[in-house]
């Protein structure tokens, strides 16, 4: 690739960010950076930032901006020679401003999924706490009910995926995300994709990125298409 490419994917809980991020990373040879993965790694390793983040997570609170930036910005500084896609960061305007001070983004993907679709997906979502692997009983169930495919350990439904918590969680996301979306729109790098099914949204994202990362997309099209 002649030029480094940095992108962010945004979307509410249950919007399919992780699934689409994996497809983008595979198709366009970008490194997929997940804020959730970094949080779990730092908590497991008992780093100073991880211990601090855990105190908020254990109380059911969002990890504050200064802790998230402390976790993620050093990682991005290690990636100065790599192209990447960031999933789950920035969530707030303060985090977006901190990211802007570290690097220039080329593109921001915003997933716009109907409220009822999100509620349905989240109510059917089960997770493997140790790895963060996510299952959906409707369209991506585990091979053995209630068990993680890889470890065989029990799956849980997070408290904030319970029906009564979902509505306030989605509203909170919308309030935090709006100024971030407005910022990236003003920079001319925001691309919004709407729909109820990941498989229907994906071709449009794939088409856009094929025009933005031509050297990679030309190489990839010589290989067999992804399933």
C-alpha atoms as a PDB file:
ATOM      1  CA  UNK A   1       0.000   0.000   0.000  1.00  0.00           C
ATOM      2  CA  UNK A   2       1.405   3.340  -1.000  1.00  0.00           C
ATOM      3  CA  UNK A   3      -0.224   5.269   1.845  1.00  0.00           C
ATOM      4  CA  UNK A   4      -1.237   4.371   5.351  1.00  0.00           C
ATOM      5  CA  UNK A   5      -4.980   4.157   5.888  1.00  0.00           C
ATOM      6  CA  UNK A   6      -6.689   4.764   9.243  1.00  0.00           C
ATOM      7  CA  UNK A   7     -10.416   4.328   9.794  1.00  0.00           C
ATOM      8  CA  UNK A   8     -12.898   4.205  12.659  1.00  0.00           C
ATOM      9  CA  UNK A   9     -16.193   2.295  12.779  1.00  0.00           C
ATOM     10  CA  UNK A  10     -18.977   3.650  14.994  1.00  0.00           C
ATOM     11  CA  UNK A  11     -22.359   2.249  15.893  1.00  0.00           C
ATOM     12  CA  UNK A  12     -24.610   1.569  18.869  1.00  0.00           C
ATOM     13  CA  UNK A  13     -24.454  -1.666  20.870  1.00  0.00           C
ATOM     14  CA  UNK A  14     -25.734  -4.522  18.716  1.00  0.00           C
ATOM     15  CA  UNK A  15     -25.096  -2.725  15.410  1.00  0.00           C
ATOM     16  CA  UNK A  16     -22.661  -5.358  14.097  1.00  0.00           C
ATOM     17  CA  UNK A  17     -19.428  -3.329  14.463  1.00  0.00           C
ATOM     18  CA  UNK A  18     -17.375  -6.380  15.376  1.00  0.00           C
ATOM     19  CA  UNK A  19     -18.650  -8.514  12.484  1.00  0.00           C
ATOM     20  CA  UNK A  20     -18.131  -5.776   9.903  1.00  0.00           C
ATOM     21  CA  UNK A  21     -14.712  -4.874  11.364  1.00  0.00           C
ATOM     22  CA  UNK A  22     -13.531  -8.469  10.925  1.00  0.00           C
ATOM     23  CA  UNK A  23     -14.715  -8.510   7.312  1.00  0.00           C
ATOM     24  CA  UNK A  24     -12.963  -5.196   6.567  1.00  0.00           C
ATOM     25  CA  UNK A  25      -9.741  -6.353   8.228  1.00  0.00           C
ATOM     26  CA  UNK A  26      -9.725  -9.587   6.225  1.00  0.00           C
ATOM     27  CA  UNK A  27     -10.735  -8.066   2.906  1.00  0.00           C
ATOM     28  CA  UNK A  28      -8.433  -5.036   2.980  1.00  0.00           C
ATOM     29  CA  UNK A  29      -5.519  -6.278   5.109  1.00  0.00           C
ATOM     30  CA  UNK A  30      -6.102  -3.695   7.842  1.00  0.00           C
ATOM     31  CA  UNK A  31      -5.218  -4.363  11.477  1.00  0.00           C
ATOM     32  CA  UNK A  32      -8.446  -4.527  13.494  1.00  0.00           C
ATOM     33  CA  UNK A  33      -8.033  -2.639  16.759  1.00  0.00           C
ATOM     34  CA  UNK A  34     -10.796  -3.250  19.297  1.00  0.00           C
ATOM     35  CA  UNK A  35     -11.118  -1.077  22.392  1.00  0.00           C
ATOM     36  CA  UNK A  36     -12.945  -3.927  24.138  1.00  0.00           C
ATOM     37  CA  UNK A  37     -10.046  -6.308  23.450  1.00  0.00           C
ATOM     38  CA  UNK A  38      -7.526  -3.792  24.824  1.00  0.00           C
ATOM     39  CA  UNK A  39      -9.619  -3.365  27.957  1.00  0.00           C
ATOM     40  CA  UNK A  40      -9.784  -7.134  28.544  1.00  0.00           C
ATOM     41  CA  UNK A  41      -6.048  -7.559  27.864  1.00  0.00           C
ATOM     42  CA  UNK A  42      -5.087  -4.804  30.292  1.00  0.00           C
ATOM     43  CA  UNK A  43      -7.452  -6.071  32.977  1.00  0.00           C
ATOM     44  CA  UNK A  44      -6.121  -9.636  32.588  1.00  0.00           C
ATOM     45  CA  UNK A  45      -2.525  -8.373  32.740  1.00  0.00           C
ATOM     46  CA  UNK A  46      -3.246  -6.214  35.814  1.00  0.00           C
ATOM     47  CA  UNK A  47      -1.709  -3.122  34.227  1.00  0.00           C
ATOM     48  CA  UNK A  48      -2.181   0.143  36.082  1.00  0.00           C
ATOM     49  CA  UNK A  49      -4.718   1.362  33.510  1.00  0.00           C
ATOM     50  CA  UNK A  50      -6.437  -2.045  33.471  1.00  0.00           C
ATOM     51  CA  UNK A  51      -6.877  -2.085  37.252  1.00  0.00           C
ATOM     52  CA  UNK A  52      -8.282   1.444  37.095  1.00  0.00           C
ATOM     53  CA  UNK A  53     -10.667   0.548  34.261  1.00  0.00           C
ATOM     54  CA  UNK A  54     -11.909  -2.510  36.178  1.00  0.00           C
ATOM     55  CA  UNK A  55     -13.005  -0.361  39.118  1.00  0.00           C
ATOM     56  CA  UNK A  56     -15.485   1.395  36.815  1.00  0.00           C
ATOM     57  CA  UNK A  57     -16.611  -1.748  34.949  1.00  0.00           C
ATOM     58  CA  UNK A  58     -17.273  -3.595  38.218  1.00  0.00           C
ATOM     59  CA  UNK A  59     -19.650  -0.787  39.215  1.00  0.00           C
ATOM     60  CA  UNK A  60     -21.441  -0.939  35.863  1.00  0.00           C
ATOM     61  CA  UNK A  61     -20.032   2.426  34.772  1.00  0.00           C
ATOM     62  CA  UNK A  62     -18.498   3.514  31.486  1.00  0.00           C
ATOM     63  CA  UNK A  63     -14.723   3.724  31.599  1.00  0.00           C
ATOM     64  CA  UNK A  64     -13.963   7.487  31.665  1.00  0.00           C
ATOM     65  CA  UNK A  65     -12.230   9.320  28.840  1.00  0.00           C
ATOM     66  CA  UNK A  66      -8.874   9.790  30.565  1.00  0.00           C
ATOM     67  CA  UNK A  67      -8.599   6.045  31.297  1.00  0.00           C
ATOM     68  CA  UNK A  68      -9.599   4.995  27.770  1.00  0.00           C
ATOM     69  CA  UNK A  69      -7.111   7.363  26.155  1.00  0.00           C
ATOM     70  CA  UNK A  70      -4.412   6.150  28.552  1.00  0.00           C
ATOM     71  CA  UNK A  71      -5.117   2.594  27.406  1.00  0.00           C
ATOM     72  CA  UNK A  72      -5.380   3.213  23.681  1.00  0.00           C
ATOM     73  CA  UNK A  73      -3.121   6.076  22.639  1.00  0.00           C
ATOM     74  CA  UNK A  74       0.148   4.256  23.489  1.00  0.00           C
ATOM     75  CA  UNK A  75      -1.075   1.342  21.349  1.00  0.00           C
ATOM     76  CA  UNK A  76      -1.730   3.699  18.438  1.00  0.00           C
ATOM     77  CA  UNK A  77       1.737   5.191  18.829  1.00  0.00           C
ATOM     78  CA  UNK A  78       3.114   1.662  18.286  1.00  0.00           C
ATOM     79  CA  UNK A  79       1.074   1.466  15.054  1.00  0.00           C
ATOM     80  CA  UNK A  80       2.555   4.508  13.307  1.00  0.00           C
ATOM     81  CA  UNK A  81       3.696   2.399  10.340  1.00  0.00           C
ATOM     82  CA  UNK A  82       0.524   0.342  10.039  1.00  0.00           C
ATOM     83  CA  UNK A  83      -2.900   0.805   8.501  1.00  0.00           C
ATOM     84  CA  UNK A  84      -5.730   0.037  10.904  1.00  0.00           C
ATOM     85  CA  UNK A  85      -9.442   0.052  11.651  1.00  0.00           C
ATOM     86  CA  UNK A  86     -10.513   1.064  15.174  1.00  0.00           C
ATOM     87  CA  UNK A  87     -13.702  -0.380  16.655  1.00  0.00           C
ATOM     88  CA  UNK A  88     -15.246   1.020  19.852  1.00  0.00           C
ATOM     89  CA  UNK A  89     -13.136   4.179  20.143  1.00  0.00           C
ATOM     90  CA  UNK A  90     -13.732   7.102  20.188  1.00  0.00           C
ATOM     91  CA  UNK A  91     -17.071   6.999  22.008  1.00  0.00           C
ATOM     92  CA  UNK A  92     -17.062  10.636  23.171  1.00  0.00           C
ATOM     93  CA  UNK A  93     -16.008  14.016  21.817  1.00  0.00           C
ATOM     94  CA  UNK A  94     -13.121  14.165  24.310  1.00  0.00           C
ATOM     95  CA  UNK A  95     -11.844  10.795  23.049  1.00  0.00           C
ATOM     96  CA  UNK A  96     -12.224  11.950  19.425  1.00  0.00           C
ATOM     97  CA  UNK A  97     -10.183  15.082  20.146  1.00  0.00           C
ATOM     98  CA  UNK A  98      -7.485  12.979  21.833  1.00  0.00           C
ATOM     99  CA  UNK A  99      -7.389  10.674  18.796  1.00  0.00           C
ATOM    100  CA  UNK A 100      -7.142  13.666  16.444  1.00  0.00           C
ATOM    101  CA  UNK A 101      -4.068  14.853  18.315  1.00  0.00           C
ATOM    102  CA  UNK A 102      -2.391  11.485  17.654  1.00  0.00           C
ATOM    103  CA  UNK A 103      -3.252  10.806  14.005  1.00  0.00           C
ATOM    104  CA  UNK A 104      -5.361  11.884  11.040  1.00  0.00           C
ATOM    105  CA  UNK A 105      -8.255   9.621  10.146  1.00  0.00           C
ATOM    106  CA  UNK A 106      -9.035   8.889   6.510  1.00  0.00           C
ATOM    107  CA  UNK A 107     -12.559   7.623   6.986  1.00  0.00           C
ATOM    108  CA  UNK A 108     -15.266   7.052   9.603  1.00  0.00           C
ATOM    109  CA  UNK A 109     -18.001   4.451   9.091  1.00  0.00           C
ATOM    110  CA  UNK A 110     -21.204   5.059  11.061  1.00  0.00           C
ATOM    111  CA  UNK A 111     -23.739   2.223  11.308  1.00  0.00           C
ATOM    112  CA  UNK A 112     -27.323   3.435  11.539  1.00  0.00           C
ATOM    113  CA  UNK A 113     -29.500   0.507  12.648  1.00  0.00           C
ATOM    114  CA  UNK A 114     -33.219   0.838  13.536  1.00  0.00           C
ATOM    115  CA  UNK A 115     -34.011   0.958  17.250  1.00  0.00           C
ATOM    116  CA  UNK A 116     -36.281  -2.116  17.170  1.00  0.00           C
ATOM    117  CA  UNK A 117     -33.597  -4.168  15.397  1.00  0.00           C
ATOM    118  CA  UNK A 118     -31.023  -3.225  18.043  1.00  0.00           C
ATOM    119  CA  UNK A 119     -33.392  -4.122  20.887  1.00  0.00           C
ATOM    120  CA  UNK A 120     -34.065  -7.519  19.331  1.00  0.00           C
ATOM    121  CA  UNK A 121     -30.365  -8.263  18.715  1.00  0.00           C
ATOM    122  CA  UNK A 122     -29.270  -7.233  22.202  1.00  0.00           C
ATOM    123  CA  UNK A 123     -31.995  -9.217  23.950  1.00  0.00           C
ATOM    124  CA  UNK A 124     -30.746 -12.355  22.128  1.00  0.00           C
ATOM    125  CA  UNK A 125     -27.048 -11.655  22.743  1.00  0.00           C
ATOM    126  CA  UNK A 126     -24.882 -13.879  24.966  1.00  0.00           C
ATOM    127  CA  UNK A 127     -21.166 -13.407  25.599  1.00  0.00           C
ATOM    128  CA  UNK A 128     -18.124 -15.347  26.737  1.00  0.00           C
ATOM    129  CA  UNK A 129     -16.767 -12.986  29.429  1.00  0.00           C
ATOM    130  CA  UNK A 130     -13.104 -14.016  29.298  1.00  0.00           C
ATOM    131  CA  UNK A 131     -12.646 -13.543  25.534  1.00  0.00           C
ATOM    132  CA  UNK A 132     -15.437 -11.133  24.653  1.00  0.00           C
ATOM    133  CA  UNK A 133     -16.780 -13.525  21.987  1.00  0.00           C
ATOM    134  CA  UNK A 134     -20.392 -12.651  21.192  1.00  0.00           C
ATOM    135  CA  UNK A 135     -23.194 -14.978  20.139  1.00  0.00           C
ATOM    136  CA  UNK A 136     -26.716 -14.197  19.005  1.00  0.00           C
ATOM    137  CA  UNK A 137     -29.396 -16.815  19.543  1.00  0.00           C
ATOM    138  CA  UNK A 138     -31.194 -15.620  16.407  1.00  0.00           C
ATOM    139  CA  UNK A 139     -28.476 -15.653  13.741  1.00  0.00           C
ATOM    140  CA  UNK A 140     -25.152 -16.688  15.324  1.00  0.00           C
ATOM    141  CA  UNK A 141     -25.885 -19.269  18.060  1.00  0.00           C
ATOM    142  CA  UNK A 142     -23.177 -21.312  19.805  1.00  0.00           C
ATOM    143  CA  UNK A 143     -22.769 -24.921  18.666  1.00  0.00           C
ATOM    144  CA  UNK A 144     -23.771 -26.120  22.143  1.00  0.00           C
ATOM    145  CA  UNK A 145     -26.460 -24.027  23.800  1.00  0.00           C
ATOM    146  CA  UNK A 146     -25.095 -21.862  26.598  1.00  0.00           C
ATOM    147  CA  UNK A 147     -21.432 -22.794  25.923  1.00  0.00           C
ATOM    148  CA  UNK A 148     -18.574 -20.983  24.188  1.00  0.00           C
ATOM    149  CA  UNK A 149     -17.532 -22.729  20.948  1.00  0.00           C
ATOM    150  CA  UNK A 150     -13.794 -22.586  21.698  1.00  0.00           C
ATOM    151  CA  UNK A 151     -13.409 -22.951  25.473  1.00  0.00           C
ATOM    152  CA  UNK A 152     -16.665 -24.730  26.305  1.00  0.00           C
ATOM    153  CA  UNK A 153     -17.121 -22.321  29.207  1.00  0.00           C
ATOM    154  CA  UNK A 154     -20.583 -20.963  30.114  1.00  0.00           C
ATOM    155  CA  UNK A 155     -21.987 -17.937  28.294  1.00  0.00           C
ATOM    156  CA  UNK A 156     -23.692 -15.100  30.144  1.00  0.00           C
ATOM    157  CA  UNK A 157     -26.191 -12.425  29.248  1.00  0.00           C
ATOM    158  CA  UNK A 158     -24.827  -9.084  30.405  1.00  0.00           C
ATOM    159  CA  UNK A 159     -26.994  -7.066  32.752  1.00  0.00           C
ATOM    160  CA  UNK A 160     -27.070  -4.173  30.302  1.00  0.00           C
ATOM    161  CA  UNK A 161     -28.359  -6.549  27.587  1.00  0.00           C
ATOM    162  CA  UNK A 162     -31.443  -7.274  29.700  1.00  0.00           C
ATOM    163  CA  UNK A 163     -34.582  -5.766  28.106  1.00  0.00           C
ATOM    164  CA  UNK A 164     -35.143  -3.100  30.776  1.00  0.00           C
ATOM    165  CA  UNK A 165     -31.577  -1.793  30.446  1.00  0.00           C
ATOM    166  CA  UNK A 166     -31.380  -1.757  26.651  1.00  0.00           C
ATOM    167  CA  UNK A 167     -33.479   1.350  25.999  1.00  0.00           C
ATOM    168  CA  UNK A 168     -31.481   3.601  28.339  1.00  0.00           C
ATOM    169  CA  UNK A 169     -28.227   2.148  27.029  1.00  0.00           C
ATOM    170  CA  UNK A 170     -29.107   2.962  23.419  1.00  0.00           C
ATOM    171  CA  UNK A 171     -30.242   6.480  24.342  1.00  0.00           C
ATOM    172  CA  UNK A 172     -27.000   7.062  26.206  1.00  0.00           C
ATOM    173  CA  UNK A 173     -24.982   5.945  23.188  1.00  0.00           C
ATOM    174  CA  UNK A 174     -26.930   8.323  20.934  1.00  0.00           C
ATOM    175  CA  UNK A 175     -26.294  11.280  23.263  1.00  0.00           C
ATOM    176  CA  UNK A 176     -22.537  10.586  23.426  1.00  0.00           C
ATOM    177  CA  UNK A 177     -22.125   9.752  19.737  1.00  0.00           C
ATOM    178  CA  UNK A 178     -23.936  12.731  18.225  1.00  0.00           C
ATOM    179  CA  UNK A 179     -21.139  15.311  18.749  1.00  0.00           C
ATOM    180  CA  UNK A 180     -18.541  12.778  17.538  1.00  0.00           C
ATOM    181  CA  UNK A 181     -20.559  12.087  14.385  1.00  0.00           C
ATOM    182  CA  UNK A 182     -21.050  15.837  13.856  1.00  0.00           C
ATOM    183  CA  UNK A 183     -17.291  16.381  14.189  1.00  0.00           C
ATOM    184  CA  UNK A 184     -16.414  13.764  11.573  1.00  0.00           C
ATOM    185  CA  UNK A 185     -19.183  14.987   9.266  1.00  0.00           C
ATOM    186  CA  UNK A 186     -17.698  18.503   9.440  1.00  0.00           C
ATOM    187  CA  UNK A 187     -14.311  17.043   8.443  1.00  0.00           C
ATOM    188  CA  UNK A 188     -15.891  15.379   5.402  1.00  0.00           C
ATOM    189  CA  UNK A 189     -14.803  11.848   6.363  1.00  0.00           C
ATOM    190  CA  UNK A 190     -18.097  10.438   7.725  1.00  0.00           C
ATOM    191  CA  UNK A 191     -19.937   7.741   5.740  1.00  0.00           C
ATOM    192  CA  UNK A 192     -23.243   6.508   7.160  1.00  0.00           C
ATOM    193  CA  UNK A 193     -24.748   3.107   6.337  1.00  0.00           C
ATOM    194  CA  UNK A 194     -28.315   2.176   7.260  1.00  0.00           C
ATOM    195  CA  UNK A 195     -30.134  -1.149   7.341  1.00  0.00           C
ATOM    196  CA  UNK A 196     -31.365  -4.042   9.455  1.00  0.00           C
ATOM    197  CA  UNK A 197     -29.013  -6.790   8.222  1.00  0.00           C
ATOM    198  CA  UNK A 198     -25.214  -6.840   8.262  1.00  0.00           C
ATOM    199  CA  UNK A 199     -25.090  -8.923   5.078  1.00  0.00           C
ATOM    200  CA  UNK A 200     -27.047  -6.225   3.224  1.00  0.00           C
ATOM    201  CA  UNK A 201     -24.982  -3.324   4.548  1.00  0.00           C
ATOM    202  CA  UNK A 202     -21.634  -5.012   3.900  1.00  0.00           C
ATOM    203  CA  UNK A 203     -21.578  -4.752   0.053  1.00  0.00           C
ATOM    204  CA  UNK A 204     -21.942  -0.951   0.278  1.00  0.00           C
ATOM    205  CA  UNK A 205     -19.102  -0.665   2.799  1.00  0.00           C
ATOM    206  CA  UNK A 206     -16.967  -3.009   0.703  1.00  0.00           C
ATOM    207  CA  UNK A 207     -17.638  -0.901  -2.397  1.00  0.00           C
ATOM    208  CA  UNK A 208     -16.723   2.354  -0.633  1.00  0.00           C
ATOM    209  CA  UNK A 209     -13.473   0.972   0.777  1.00  0.00           C
ATOM    210  CA  UNK A 210     -12.541  -0.482  -2.601  1.00  0.00           C
ATOM    211  CA  UNK A 211     -12.425   3.094  -3.912  1.00  0.00           C
ATOM    212  CA  UNK A 212     -10.533   4.386  -0.874  1.00  0.00           C
ATOM    213  CA  UNK A 213      -7.891   1.628  -0.705  1.00  0.00           C
ATOM    214  CA  UNK A 214      -7.352   0.809  -4.394  1.00  0.00           C
ATOM    215  CA  UNK A 215      -3.963  -0.854  -4.126  1.00  0.00           C
ATOM    216  CA  UNK A 216      -5.249  -3.342  -1.565  1.00  0.00           C
ATOM    217  CA  UNK A 217      -8.600  -3.974  -3.244  1.00  0.00           C
ATOM    218  CA  UNK A 218      -6.933  -4.734  -6.585  1.00  0.00           C
ATOM    219  CA  UNK A 219      -4.705  -7.304  -4.915  1.00  0.00           C
ATOM    220  CA  UNK A 220      -7.597  -8.895  -3.043  1.00  0.00           C
ATOM    221  CA  UNK A 221      -9.823  -9.258  -6.104  1.00  0.00           C
ATOM    222  CA  UNK A 222      -7.242 -11.579  -7.626  1.00  0.00           C
ATOM    223  CA  UNK A 223      -8.028 -14.096  -4.906  1.00  0.00           C
ATOM    224  CA  UNK A 224     -11.193 -16.115  -4.414  1.00  0.00           C
ATOM    225  CA  UNK A 225     -14.040 -14.077  -2.899  1.00  0.00           C
ATOM    226  CA  UNK A 226     -14.742 -14.372   0.807  1.00  0.00           C
ATOM    227  CA  UNK A 227     -17.633 -16.632   1.795  1.00  0.00           C
END
